[in-house]
Amino acid sequence: MSADKHKGLATRAAYLRRASSEGGLGLNVKWAARLTHFLKRMADEGEIVLRRVGSDGRGSKAVTCAFATPAGIARLADLEERFGVGFGNAADISRVEPCRETKEMRRKRRTSSETARAAAQKAKASRRANLARALEFRAQSRAAAG
């Protein structure tokens, strides 16, 4: 069991705080959060409602956004009254539900080019040695056969 007993409540408060903003909480696009099981459960409980926003017919993408319902806003007010105004910030979301690193971040995390080059040279030398051994074995077996 987690040492932080209020982790789920902090995540719920963070999502409700972001969903109650004017633009809502954008979901499933590059710059936004993911539609997780936690958010689906919040939608089923009636705290948020999911809507498609942004398609104007001129080629812009429609984005799924989560908006807080009156029940969700009342729940957020209750949590703020109970735990304080700073309870449940954006850091709580990423702590509980980390999202996948972008391709750029994975590239930066790679090893240096010198290390990669040395590993490639070592693998190439190993392949050459294995091939030389295989050719030598084949020549010996042909000589023995006749």
Protein backbone atom coordinates (compact mmCIF):
# COMPACT_ATOMS: atom_id res chain seq x y z
CA MET A 1 0.00 0.00 0.00
CA SER A 2 1.22 3.46 -0.81
CA ALA A 3 2.59 5.65 1.93
CA ASP A 4 0.61 8.56 0.52
CA LYS A 5 -2.98 7.81 1.52
CA HIS A 6 -4.41 10.81 -0.33
CA LYS A 7 -2.67 10.26 -3.68
CA GLY A 8 -5.92 9.38 -5.47
CA LEU A 9 -7.71 12.37 -4.01
CA ALA A 10 -4.84 14.68 -5.00
CA THR A 11 -4.96 13.34 -8.56
CA ARG A 12 -8.73 13.80 -8.67
CA ALA A 13 -8.40 17.37 -7.39
CA ALA A 14 -5.69 18.14 -9.96
CA TYR A 15 -7.80 16.81 -12.82
CA LEU A 16 -10.87 18.70 -11.58
CA ARG A 17 -8.87 21.91 -11.23
CA ARG A 18 -7.57 21.62 -14.82
CA ALA A 19 -10.99 20.58 -16.17
CA SER A 20 -12.69 23.55 -14.51
CA SER A 21 -10.49 26.04 -16.36
CA GLU A 22 -11.97 27.88 -19.34
CA GLY A 23 -10.52 25.66 -22.05
CA GLY A 24 -10.99 22.43 -20.15
CA LEU A 25 -8.46 19.62 -20.02
CA GLY A 26 -7.26 18.62 -23.49
CA LEU A 27 -6.90 14.87 -24.00
CA ASN A 28 -5.13 12.47 -26.38
CA VAL A 29 -3.13 15.02 -28.35
CA LYS A 30 0.61 15.65 -28.34
CA TRP A 31 0.57 18.53 -25.85
CA ALA A 32 -2.14 17.21 -23.54
CA ALA A 33 -2.96 14.49 -21.04
CA ARG A 34 -4.11 10.98 -21.90
CA LEU A 35 -7.58 9.60 -21.45
CA THR A 36 -6.77 7.16 -18.67
CA HIS A 37 -8.94 4.73 -16.73
CA PHE A 38 -8.94 7.26 -13.89
CA LEU A 39 -10.47 9.94 -16.12
CA LYS A 40 -12.98 7.48 -17.59
CA ARG A 41 -14.07 6.58 -14.07
CA MET A 42 -14.45 10.28 -13.23
CA ALA A 43 -16.64 10.70 -16.33
CA ASP A 44 -18.74 7.70 -15.31
CA GLU A 45 -19.19 9.19 -11.84
CA GLY A 46 -20.38 12.47 -13.38
CA GLU A 47 -17.55 14.72 -12.19
CA ILE A 48 -16.36 15.55 -15.71
CA VAL A 49 -17.95 15.47 -19.13
CA LEU A 50 -16.02 14.76 -22.35
CA ARG A 51 -16.67 16.94 -25.42
CA ARG A 52 -15.10 17.37 -28.84
CA VAL A 53 -13.91 20.97 -29.24
CA GLY A 54 -12.16 22.93 -31.96
CA SER A 55 -13.38 21.68 -35.32
CA ASP A 56 -14.38 24.80 -37.24
CA GLY A 57 -14.72 23.17 -40.66
CA ARG A 58 -11.58 24.88 -41.96
CA GLY A 59 -9.18 22.04 -41.35
CA SER A 60 -8.39 22.46 -37.67
CA LYS A 61 -8.39 19.36 -35.50
CA ALA A 62 -11.15 18.59 -33.08
CA VAL A 63 -9.77 17.75 -29.66
CA THR A 64 -11.44 15.78 -26.90
CA CYS A 65 -11.62 17.98 -23.82
CA ALA A 66 -12.78 17.21 -20.30
CA PHE A 67 -14.92 19.85 -18.61
CA ALA A 68 -15.88 19.84 -14.94
CA THR A 69 -19.58 19.43 -14.16
CA PRO A 70 -21.30 21.15 -11.23
CA ALA A 71 -20.87 17.92 -9.25
CA GLY A 72 -17.14 17.96 -10.05
CA ILE A 73 -16.78 21.60 -9.04
CA ALA A 74 -18.58 20.85 -5.75
CA ARG A 75 -16.22 17.90 -5.17
CA LEU A 76 -13.20 20.15 -5.85
CA ALA A 77 -14.51 22.75 -3.40
CA ASP A 78 -15.01 20.03 -0.80
CA LEU A 79 -11.46 18.74 -1.29
CA GLU A 80 -10.02 22.26 -1.07
CA GLU A 81 -11.96 22.91 2.12
CA ARG A 82 -10.81 19.63 3.61
CA PHE A 83 -7.12 19.66 2.58
CA GLY A 84 -6.34 23.28 1.64
CA VAL A 85 -6.24 25.30 -1.57
CA GLY A 86 -2.88 23.94 -2.76
CA PHE A 87 -4.03 20.32 -2.62
CA GLY A 88 -3.80 18.50 -5.94
CA ASN A 89 -1.58 20.37 -8.38
CA ALA A 90 -0.35 19.37 -11.87
CA ALA A 91 2.68 17.58 -10.40
CA ASP A 92 0.34 15.08 -8.74
CA ILE A 93 -0.97 14.02 -12.14
CA SER A 94 2.44 13.26 -13.60
CA ARG A 95 3.55 11.55 -10.38
CA VAL A 96 0.63 9.12 -10.39
CA GLU A 97 0.07 8.69 -14.12
CA PRO A 98 3.34 9.28 -15.93
CA CYS A 99 3.10 9.66 -19.66
CA ARG A 100 5.48 8.26 -22.24
CA GLU A 101 8.57 10.25 -23.06
CA THR A 102 8.62 12.02 -26.39
CA LYS A 103 10.90 10.80 -29.15
CA GLU A 104 13.19 13.81 -28.62
CA MET A 105 13.64 12.99 -24.94
CA ARG A 106 14.43 9.36 -25.72
CA ARG A 107 17.04 10.49 -28.26
CA LYS A 108 18.67 12.77 -25.70
CA ARG A 109 18.81 9.92 -23.23
CA ARG A 110 20.78 7.73 -25.65
CA THR A 111 24.45 7.09 -25.14
CA SER A 112 27.09 9.31 -26.69
CA SER A 113 28.13 8.80 -30.30
CA GLU A 114 31.61 7.60 -29.27
CA THR A 115 30.11 4.85 -27.11
CA ALA A 116 27.73 3.81 -29.87
CA ARG A 117 30.54 3.77 -32.42
CA ALA A 118 32.76 1.63 -30.17
CA ALA A 119 29.91 -0.85 -29.59
CA ALA A 120 29.26 -1.07 -33.34
CA GLN A 121 32.96 -1.70 -34.05
CA LYS A 122 33.07 -4.41 -31.39
CA ALA A 123 29.99 -6.12 -32.86
CA LYS A 124 31.48 -5.90 -36.35
CA ALA A 125 34.75 -7.48 -35.18
CA SER A 126 32.81 -10.25 -33.44
CA ARG A 127 30.82 -10.99 -36.61
CA ARG A 128 34.04 -11.13 -38.65
CA ALA A 129 35.66 -13.53 -36.16
CA ASN A 130 32.59 -15.80 -36.21
CA LEU A 131 32.58 -15.80 -40.01
CA ALA A 132 36.31 -16.62 -40.14
CA ARG A 133 35.77 -19.54 -37.73
CA ALA A 134 32.84 -20.83 -39.79
CA LEU A 135 34.86 -20.65 -43.00
CA GLU A 136 37.80 -22.42 -41.38
CA PHE A 137 35.52 -25.17 -40.05
CA ARG A 138 33.94 -25.59 -43.48
CA ALA A 139 37.37 -25.87 -45.15
CA GLN A 140 38.48 -28.50 -42.60
CA SER A 141 35.30 -30.56 -43.07
CA ARG A 142 35.71 -30.47 -46.88
CA ALA A 143 39.35 -31.49 -46.61
CA ALA A 144 38.42 -34.36 -44.32
CA ALA A 145 35.58 -35.49 -46.62
CA GLY A 146 37.75 -35.74 -49.45
